[in-house]
Amino acid sequence: MARPRKPSHLKVVSGTARKDRDNPNEPTAPMGAPDAPIWLSDRGAEIFAGLCATIHGMGYLSTADQAVLAMAASRLEEVEIATARVEDEGRTYETHNAQGERMIRPNPMVAQRSEAMRHAHALLSELGLTPAARSKVSAGKKTDDNPFKALMGAG
């Protein structure tokens, strides 16, 4: 599978943008907080809001990212649910085969949790929410929002 294309705004802030590879007609995503979809559970909506707050703090929250944020929130909720079941039921369970011999089998929730974690990690990477994804971007310094700082001689 080919490496996914890097968004243009990330190329600009990381210093790898090239004019000859630039798409002049690329649409720009509208900035702002997306609404949580109604199909998310209450816990999924809490996770969605937390992801939005984190991305807002990093300065690139867009309403266009609603779907990927919802998928990430849903997968993270699945990780929580699967983890709770594994903690309650254990990583394995005991059964007996047709001959009556004792067998230890893996709990299916372990595999489901692993798959949810793998998918959540991919979605978080797409959103720039992993250490590796952040290391590829150079964020500008935050501007001081206090207009009186210069008047007080501190600016």
N, C-alpha and C. Protein backbone atom coordinates (compact mmCIF):
# COMPACT_ATOMS: atom_id res chain seq x y z
N MET A 1 0.84 -1.18 0.00
CA MET A 1 0.00 0.00 0.00
C MET A 1 0.89 1.24 0.00
N ALA A 2 0.57 2.18 -0.83
CA ALA A 2 1.36 3.40 -0.96
C ALA A 2 1.17 4.30 0.27
N ARG A 3 2.18 5.10 0.53
CA ARG A 3 2.09 6.05 1.63
C ARG A 3 1.03 7.08 1.29
N PRO A 4 0.18 7.47 2.26
CA PRO A 4 -0.85 8.47 1.95
C PRO A 4 -0.25 9.84 1.65
N ARG A 5 -0.93 10.58 0.81
CA ARG A 5 -0.48 11.90 0.40
C ARG A 5 -0.50 12.85 1.60
N LYS A 6 0.53 13.64 1.72
CA LYS A 6 0.64 14.60 2.82
C LYS A 6 -0.16 15.84 2.46
N PRO A 7 -1.04 16.32 3.36
CA PRO A 7 -1.81 17.53 3.06
C PRO A 7 -0.90 18.73 2.80
N SER A 8 -1.33 19.60 1.90
CA SER A 8 -0.51 20.75 1.49
C SER A 8 -0.17 21.67 2.65
N HIS A 9 -1.12 21.90 3.56
CA HIS A 9 -0.82 22.81 4.67
C HIS A 9 0.27 22.24 5.57
N LEU A 10 0.36 20.92 5.65
CA LEU A 10 1.44 20.32 6.43
C LEU A 10 2.78 20.45 5.70
N LYS A 11 2.74 20.40 4.38
CA LYS A 11 3.98 20.61 3.60
C LYS A 11 4.52 22.03 3.81
N VAL A 12 3.61 22.99 3.86
CA VAL A 12 4.02 24.39 4.04
C VAL A 12 4.68 24.57 5.40
N VAL A 13 4.03 24.09 6.46
CA VAL A 13 4.60 24.32 7.79
C VAL A 13 5.83 23.47 8.07
N SER A 14 5.99 22.37 7.34
CA SER A 14 7.19 21.56 7.54
C SER A 14 8.33 21.99 6.62
N GLY A 15 8.06 22.92 5.70
CA GLY A 15 9.10 23.44 4.83
C GLY A 15 9.42 22.57 3.64
N THR A 16 8.53 21.65 3.26
CA THR A 16 8.78 20.77 2.12
C THR A 16 7.91 21.10 0.91
N ALA A 17 7.14 22.20 0.98
CA ALA A 17 6.27 22.57 -0.14
C ALA A 17 7.12 23.01 -1.33
N ARG A 18 6.69 22.56 -2.51
CA ARG A 18 7.37 22.94 -3.76
C ARG A 18 6.34 23.49 -4.72
N LYS A 19 6.66 24.62 -5.34
CA LYS A 19 5.76 25.30 -6.25
C LYS A 19 5.36 24.39 -7.43
N ASP A 20 6.31 23.60 -7.94
CA ASP A 20 6.03 22.76 -9.10
C ASP A 20 5.11 21.59 -8.77
N ARG A 21 4.94 21.27 -7.50
CA ARG A 21 4.05 20.17 -7.11
C ARG A 21 2.78 20.68 -6.42
N ASP A 22 2.63 21.98 -6.35
CA ASP A 22 1.51 22.60 -5.68
C ASP A 22 0.26 22.52 -6.55
N ASN A 23 -0.88 22.31 -5.93
CA ASN A 23 -2.15 22.32 -6.64
C ASN A 23 -2.81 23.68 -6.39
N PRO A 24 -2.79 24.57 -7.37
CA PRO A 24 -3.35 25.91 -7.16
C PRO A 24 -4.86 25.90 -6.93
N ASN A 25 -5.54 24.83 -7.31
CA ASN A 25 -6.99 24.75 -7.16
C ASN A 25 -7.42 23.92 -5.96
N GLU A 26 -6.48 23.64 -5.07
CA GLU A 26 -6.81 22.83 -3.89
C GLU A 26 -7.79 23.59 -2.99
N PRO A 27 -8.87 22.94 -2.59
CA PRO A 27 -9.82 23.63 -1.71
C PRO A 27 -9.23 23.81 -0.31
N THR A 28 -9.66 24.85 0.36
CA THR A 28 -9.22 25.08 1.73
C THR A 28 -10.34 24.67 2.67
N ALA A 29 -9.96 24.01 3.74
CA ALA A 29 -10.95 23.55 4.71
C ALA A 29 -11.39 24.70 5.60
N PRO A 30 -12.69 24.81 5.85
CA PRO A 30 -13.17 25.89 6.73
C PRO A 30 -12.76 25.62 8.18
N MET A 31 -12.24 26.63 8.83
CA MET A 31 -11.82 26.49 10.22
C MET A 31 -13.05 26.52 11.12
N GLY A 32 -12.96 25.84 12.23
CA GLY A 32 -14.07 25.83 13.19
C GLY A 32 -14.27 24.44 13.76
N ALA A 33 -15.12 24.37 14.76
CA ALA A 33 -15.39 23.12 15.45
C ALA A 33 -16.56 22.40 14.79
N PRO A 34 -16.36 21.15 14.38
CA PRO A 34 -17.47 20.38 13.83
C PRO A 34 -18.39 19.89 14.95
N ASP A 35 -19.63 19.63 14.60
CA ASP A 35 -20.58 19.05 15.55
C ASP A 35 -20.41 17.54 15.55
N ALA A 36 -20.58 16.94 16.72
CA ALA A 36 -20.52 15.48 16.82
C ALA A 36 -21.74 14.89 16.09
N PRO A 37 -21.53 13.87 15.27
CA PRO A 37 -22.68 13.25 14.59
C PRO A 37 -23.64 12.62 15.59
N ILE A 38 -24.90 12.56 15.24
CA ILE A 38 -25.91 12.02 16.17
C ILE A 38 -25.75 10.52 16.40
N TRP A 39 -25.06 9.83 15.49
CA TRP A 39 -24.91 8.39 15.65
C TRP A 39 -23.87 8.00 16.70
N LEU A 40 -23.05 8.96 17.14
CA LEU A 40 -22.09 8.66 18.19
C LEU A 40 -22.82 8.46 19.52
N SER A 41 -22.33 7.52 20.32
CA SER A 41 -22.88 7.33 21.66
C SER A 41 -22.49 8.51 22.53
N ASP A 42 -23.02 8.56 23.75
CA ASP A 42 -22.65 9.64 24.67
C ASP A 42 -21.15 9.63 24.94
N ARG A 43 -20.57 8.45 25.17
CA ARG A 43 -19.13 8.37 25.41
C ARG A 43 -18.35 8.75 24.16
N GLY A 44 -18.82 8.32 22.99
CA GLY A 44 -18.18 8.69 21.73
C GLY A 44 -18.18 10.19 21.53
N ALA A 45 -19.29 10.85 21.89
CA ALA A 45 -19.38 12.31 21.77
C ALA A 45 -18.40 13.00 22.72
N GLU A 46 -18.19 12.43 23.91
CA GLU A 46 -17.20 12.98 24.86
C GLU A 46 -15.79 12.88 24.27
N ILE A 47 -15.48 11.74 23.69
CA ILE A 47 -14.16 11.56 23.07
C ILE A 47 -14.00 12.51 21.89
N PHE A 48 -15.05 12.64 21.08
CA PHE A 48 -15.06 13.55 19.94
C PHE A 48 -14.74 14.98 20.41
N ALA A 49 -15.41 15.43 21.48
CA ALA A 49 -15.18 16.77 22.01
C ALA A 49 -13.74 16.93 22.50
N GLY A 50 -13.20 15.89 23.11
CA GLY A 50 -11.82 15.94 23.58
C GLY A 50 -10.83 16.04 22.43
N LEU A 51 -11.07 15.29 21.37
CA LEU A 51 -10.21 15.37 20.19
C LEU A 51 -10.29 16.76 19.56
N CYS A 52 -11.50 17.30 19.47
CA CYS A 52 -11.67 18.64 18.90
C CYS A 52 -10.93 19.68 19.74
N ALA A 53 -11.01 19.56 21.06
CA ALA A 53 -10.31 20.52 21.93
C ALA A 53 -8.81 20.44 21.74
N THR A 54 -8.30 19.23 21.61
CA THR A 54 -6.86 19.06 21.40
C THR A 54 -6.42 19.68 20.08
N ILE A 55 -7.15 19.39 19.01
CA ILE A 55 -6.79 19.91 17.69
C ILE A 55 -6.98 21.42 17.65
N HIS A 56 -8.01 21.92 18.32
CA HIS A 56 -8.20 23.38 18.39
C HIS A 56 -7.00 24.04 19.06
N GLY A 57 -6.52 23.43 20.12
CA GLY A 57 -5.36 23.95 20.82
C GLY A 57 -4.10 23.95 19.96
N MET A 58 -4.06 23.04 18.99
CA MET A 58 -2.91 22.97 18.09
C MET A 58 -3.09 23.93 16.90
N GLY A 59 -4.30 24.47 16.74
CA GLY A 59 -4.53 25.52 15.75
C GLY A 59 -4.97 25.10 14.37
N TYR A 60 -5.52 23.89 14.20
CA TYR A 60 -5.96 23.53 12.85
C TYR A 60 -7.28 22.77 12.81
N LEU A 61 -8.16 23.05 13.75
CA LEU A 61 -9.47 22.38 13.78
C LEU A 61 -10.32 22.88 12.63
N SER A 62 -10.92 21.95 11.91
CA SER A 62 -11.75 22.29 10.75
C SER A 62 -13.06 21.52 10.80
N THR A 63 -14.12 22.17 10.37
CA THR A 63 -15.42 21.50 10.29
C THR A 63 -15.40 20.39 9.25
N ALA A 64 -14.47 20.46 8.31
CA ALA A 64 -14.37 19.45 7.26
C ALA A 64 -13.87 18.11 7.80
N ASP A 65 -13.33 18.09 9.00
CA ASP A 65 -12.77 16.86 9.56
C ASP A 65 -13.76 16.09 10.44
N GLN A 66 -15.03 16.43 10.37
CA GLN A 66 -16.03 15.79 11.22
C GLN A 66 -16.03 14.26 11.10
N ALA A 67 -16.00 13.77 9.88
CA ALA A 67 -16.12 12.32 9.68
C ALA A 67 -14.92 11.56 10.26
N VAL A 68 -13.71 12.04 10.00
CA VAL A 68 -12.53 11.34 10.51
C VAL A 68 -12.45 11.47 12.03
N LEU A 69 -12.86 12.61 12.57
CA LEU A 69 -12.90 12.77 14.02
C LEU A 69 -13.92 11.82 14.65
N ALA A 70 -15.07 11.66 14.00
CA ALA A 70 -16.11 10.76 14.50
C ALA A 70 -15.63 9.30 14.45
N MET A 71 -14.96 8.93 13.36
CA MET A 71 -14.43 7.56 13.28
C MET A 71 -13.38 7.31 14.36
N ALA A 72 -12.51 8.29 14.58
CA ALA A 72 -11.48 8.13 15.62
C ALA A 72 -12.13 8.02 16.99
N ALA A 73 -13.12 8.84 17.26
CA ALA A 73 -13.82 8.78 18.55
C ALA A 73 -14.50 7.43 18.73
N SER A 74 -15.13 6.95 17.69
CA SER A 74 -15.82 5.66 17.76
C SER A 74 -14.84 4.51 18.00
N ARG A 75 -13.71 4.53 17.30
CA ARG A 75 -12.71 3.47 17.48
C ARG A 75 -12.08 3.54 18.87
N LEU A 76 -11.83 4.76 19.38
CA LEU A 76 -11.28 4.88 20.73
C LEU A 76 -12.27 4.38 21.77
N GLU A 77 -13.55 4.61 21.54
CA GLU A 77 -14.57 4.06 22.44
C GLU A 77 -14.56 2.53 22.38
N GLU A 78 -14.40 1.97 21.19
CA GLU A 78 -14.32 0.51 21.06
C GLU A 78 -13.12 -0.05 21.82
N VAL A 79 -12.01 0.67 21.80
CA VAL A 79 -10.83 0.25 22.56
C VAL A 79 -11.17 0.21 24.04
N GLU A 80 -11.86 1.22 24.54
CA GLU A 80 -12.26 1.25 25.94
C GLU A 80 -13.17 0.07 26.29
N ILE A 81 -14.15 -0.18 25.45
CA ILE A 81 -15.11 -1.26 25.70
C ILE A 81 -14.40 -2.62 25.69
N ALA A 82 -13.59 -2.84 24.67
CA ALA A 82 -12.87 -4.11 24.56
C ALA A 82 -11.91 -4.30 25.73
N THR A 83 -11.24 -3.23 26.14
CA THR A 83 -10.31 -3.31 27.27
C THR A 83 -11.05 -3.69 28.55
N ALA A 84 -12.21 -3.11 28.78
CA ALA A 84 -13.00 -3.45 29.96
C ALA A 84 -13.41 -4.92 29.94
N ARG A 85 -13.80 -5.41 28.78
CA ARG A 85 -14.19 -6.83 28.68
C ARG A 85 -13.00 -7.75 28.92
N VAL A 86 -11.84 -7.40 28.37
CA VAL A 86 -10.64 -8.23 28.58
C VAL A 86 -10.26 -8.23 30.05
N GLU A 87 -10.37 -7.07 30.71
CA GLU A 87 -10.06 -7.00 32.14
C GLU A 87 -11.04 -7.85 32.96
N ASP A 88 -12.31 -7.86 32.57
CA ASP A 88 -13.32 -8.66 33.28
C ASP A 88 -13.19 -10.15 33.00
N GLU A 89 -12.99 -10.52 31.74
CA GLU A 89 -13.03 -11.91 31.31
C GLU A 89 -11.67 -12.58 31.22
N GLY A 90 -10.61 -11.79 31.15
CA GLY A 90 -9.27 -12.33 30.98
C GLY A 90 -8.88 -12.41 29.52
N ARG A 91 -7.59 -12.63 29.29
CA ARG A 91 -7.07 -12.71 27.91
C ARG A 91 -7.36 -14.05 27.26
N THR A 92 -7.63 -15.05 28.08
CA THR A 92 -7.92 -16.40 27.57
C THR A 92 -9.14 -16.96 28.29
N TYR A 93 -9.67 -18.04 27.74
CA TYR A 93 -10.74 -18.77 28.42
C TYR A 93 -10.50 -20.25 28.22
N GLU A 94 -11.08 -21.02 29.10
CA GLU A 94 -10.90 -22.48 29.06
C GLU A 94 -12.12 -23.14 28.45
N THR A 95 -11.87 -24.13 27.62
CA THR A 95 -12.93 -24.92 27.01
C THR A 95 -12.44 -26.35 26.87
N HIS A 96 -13.29 -27.22 26.39
CA HIS A 96 -12.92 -28.62 26.19
C HIS A 96 -13.27 -29.02 24.77
N ASN A 97 -12.41 -29.82 24.17
CA ASN A 97 -12.68 -30.28 22.81
C ASN A 97 -13.61 -31.49 22.85
N ALA A 98 -13.88 -32.08 21.67
CA ALA A 98 -14.82 -33.20 21.56
C ALA A 98 -14.37 -34.41 22.36
N GLN A 99 -13.06 -34.57 22.56
CA GLN A 99 -12.55 -35.69 23.34
C GLN A 99 -12.52 -35.38 24.84
N GLY A 100 -12.95 -34.19 25.22
CA GLY A 100 -12.98 -33.81 26.63
C GLY A 100 -11.67 -33.25 27.15
N GLU A 101 -10.72 -33.04 26.26
CA GLU A 101 -9.44 -32.49 26.70
C GLU A 101 -9.56 -30.98 26.92
N ARG A 102 -8.86 -30.52 27.94
CA ARG A 102 -8.87 -29.10 28.29
C ARG A 102 -8.10 -28.30 27.24
N MET A 103 -8.70 -27.15 26.83
CA MET A 103 -8.05 -26.26 25.86
C MET A 103 -8.12 -24.83 26.38
N ILE A 104 -7.05 -24.10 26.18
CA ILE A 104 -7.01 -22.69 26.51
C ILE A 104 -7.06 -21.92 25.19
N ARG A 105 -8.06 -21.07 25.06
CA ARG A 105 -8.24 -20.30 23.83
C ARG A 105 -8.12 -18.81 24.11
N PRO A 106 -7.70 -18.04 23.10
CA PRO A 106 -7.62 -16.59 23.30
C PRO A 106 -9.02 -15.97 23.33
N ASN A 107 -9.20 -14.97 24.17
CA ASN A 107 -10.45 -14.23 24.22
C ASN A 107 -10.56 -13.43 22.91
N PRO A 108 -11.65 -13.56 22.17
CA PRO A 108 -11.81 -12.82 20.91
C PRO A 108 -11.75 -11.31 21.09
N MET A 109 -12.05 -10.82 22.27
CA MET A 109 -12.01 -9.38 22.51
C MET A 109 -10.59 -8.83 22.43
N VAL A 110 -9.58 -9.67 22.67
CA VAL A 110 -8.19 -9.23 22.55
C VAL A 110 -7.90 -8.84 21.11
N ALA A 111 -8.34 -9.67 20.17
CA ALA A 111 -8.12 -9.38 18.74
C ALA A 111 -8.95 -8.16 18.32
N GLN A 112 -10.17 -8.05 18.80
CA GLN A 112 -11.00 -6.90 18.45
C GLN A 112 -10.39 -5.61 18.98
N ARG A 113 -9.85 -5.66 20.21
CA ARG A 113 -9.21 -4.48 20.77
C ARG A 113 -7.97 -4.10 19.96
N SER A 114 -7.19 -5.10 19.59
CA SER A 114 -5.98 -4.85 18.80
C SER A 114 -6.32 -4.19 17.47
N GLU A 115 -7.34 -4.67 16.81
CA GLU A 115 -7.76 -4.09 15.53
C GLU A 115 -8.27 -2.67 15.72
N ALA A 116 -9.05 -2.43 16.77
CA ALA A 116 -9.55 -1.08 17.05
C ALA A 116 -8.38 -0.14 17.35
N MET A 117 -7.38 -0.62 18.10
CA MET A 117 -6.20 0.21 18.39
C MET A 117 -5.43 0.55 17.12
N ARG A 118 -5.26 -0.43 16.26
CA ARG A 118 -4.53 -0.21 15.01
C ARG A 118 -5.25 0.83 14.14
N HIS A 119 -6.55 0.71 14.04
CA HIS A 119 -7.33 1.64 13.23
C HIS A 119 -7.34 3.02 13.88
N ALA A 120 -7.51 3.09 15.20
CA ALA A 120 -7.50 4.38 15.90
C ALA A 120 -6.16 5.08 15.72
N HIS A 121 -5.08 4.32 15.78
CA HIS A 121 -3.75 4.91 15.60
C HIS A 121 -3.62 5.53 14.21
N ALA A 122 -4.10 4.83 13.19
CA ALA A 122 -4.04 5.36 11.82
C ALA A 122 -4.85 6.64 11.71
N LEU A 123 -6.03 6.67 12.31
CA LEU A 123 -6.87 7.87 12.26
C LEU A 123 -6.24 9.02 13.03
N LEU A 124 -5.66 8.73 14.19
CA LEU A 124 -5.00 9.78 14.97
C LEU A 124 -3.79 10.33 14.21
N SER A 125 -3.09 9.46 13.50
CA SER A 125 -1.95 9.92 12.69
C SER A 125 -2.43 10.86 11.58
N GLU A 126 -3.53 10.51 10.95
CA GLU A 126 -4.10 11.36 9.89
C GLU A 126 -4.45 12.74 10.44
N LEU A 127 -4.86 12.77 11.70
CA LEU A 127 -5.24 14.04 12.33
C LEU A 127 -4.05 14.79 12.93
N GLY A 128 -2.87 14.20 12.85
CA GLY A 128 -1.68 14.84 13.41
C GLY A 128 -1.59 14.73 14.92
N LEU A 129 -2.19 13.68 15.49
CA LEU A 129 -2.27 13.54 16.94
C LEU A 129 -1.35 12.46 17.51
N THR A 130 -0.33 12.09 16.79
CA THR A 130 0.66 11.15 17.34
C THR A 130 2.01 11.87 17.38
N PRO A 131 2.91 11.43 18.24
CA PRO A 131 4.23 12.08 18.30
C PRO A 131 4.95 12.07 16.95
N ALA A 132 4.86 10.97 16.22
CA ALA A 132 5.53 10.89 14.93
C ALA A 132 4.92 11.88 13.94
N ALA A 133 3.60 11.99 13.94
CA ALA A 133 2.93 12.93 13.03
C ALA A 133 3.30 14.36 13.38
N ARG A 134 3.35 14.68 14.67
CA ARG A 134 3.70 16.04 15.08
C ARG A 134 5.15 16.37 14.77
N SER A 135 6.03 15.36 14.82
CA SER A 135 7.45 15.64 14.57
C SER A 135 7.71 16.03 13.13
N LYS A 136 6.77 15.77 12.25
CA LYS A 136 6.94 16.10 10.84
C LYS A 136 6.46 17.51 10.51
N VAL A 137 5.92 18.23 11.51
CA VAL A 137 5.35 19.55 11.29
C VAL A 137 6.07 20.57 12.16
N SER A 138 6.37 21.73 11.59
CA SER A 138 6.94 22.83 12.35
C SER A 138 5.84 23.86 12.56
N ALA A 139 5.39 23.97 13.77
CA ALA A 139 4.33 24.93 14.08
C ALA A 139 4.95 26.29 14.33
N GLY A 140 4.27 27.31 13.87
CA GLY A 140 4.75 28.67 14.12
C GLY A 140 4.55 29.02 15.59
N LYS A 141 5.26 30.04 16.04
CA LYS A 141 5.10 30.48 17.43
C LYS A 141 3.73 31.10 17.59
N LYS A 142 3.12 30.85 18.75
CA LYS A 142 1.82 31.43 19.03
C LYS A 142 1.97 32.93 19.22
N THR A 143 1.01 33.67 18.68
CA THR A 143 1.05 35.12 18.86
C THR A 143 0.49 35.46 20.22
N ASP A 144 0.99 36.54 20.79
CA ASP A 144 0.51 36.99 22.08
C ASP A 144 -0.79 37.75 21.85
N ASP A 145 -1.87 37.27 22.45
CA ASP A 145 -3.19 37.87 22.23
C ASP A 145 -3.45 39.06 23.14
N ASN A 146 -2.50 39.46 23.96
CA ASN A 146 -2.70 40.54 24.89
C ASN A 146 -2.27 41.87 24.24
N PRO A 147 -3.21 42.70 23.80
CA PRO A 147 -2.84 43.95 23.12
C PRO A 147 -2.24 44.99 24.07
N PHE A 148 -2.40 44.81 25.36
CA PHE A 148 -1.89 45.77 26.32
C PHE A 148 -0.45 45.49 26.73
N LYS A 149 0.07 44.35 26.35
CA LYS A 149 1.43 43.98 26.73
C LYS A 149 2.44 44.97 26.16
N ALA A 150 2.25 45.38 24.90
CA ALA A 150 3.17 46.35 24.28
C ALA A 150 3.08 47.70 24.97
N LEU A 151 1.87 48.08 25.38
CA LEU A 151 1.70 49.36 26.06
C LEU A 151 2.39 49.40 27.43
N MET A 152 2.51 48.24 28.04
CA MET A 152 3.11 48.16 29.36
C MET A 152 4.64 48.04 29.28
N GLY A 153 5.19 48.06 28.06
CA GLY A 153 6.62 48.00 27.89
C GLY A 153 7.20 46.61 27.95
N ALA A 154 6.34 45.58 27.91
CA ALA A 154 6.83 44.20 27.97
C ALA A 154 6.93 43.60 26.59
N GLY A 155 6.61 44.29 25.56
CA GLY A 155 6.58 43.71 24.23
C GLY A 155 7.58 44.34 23.38
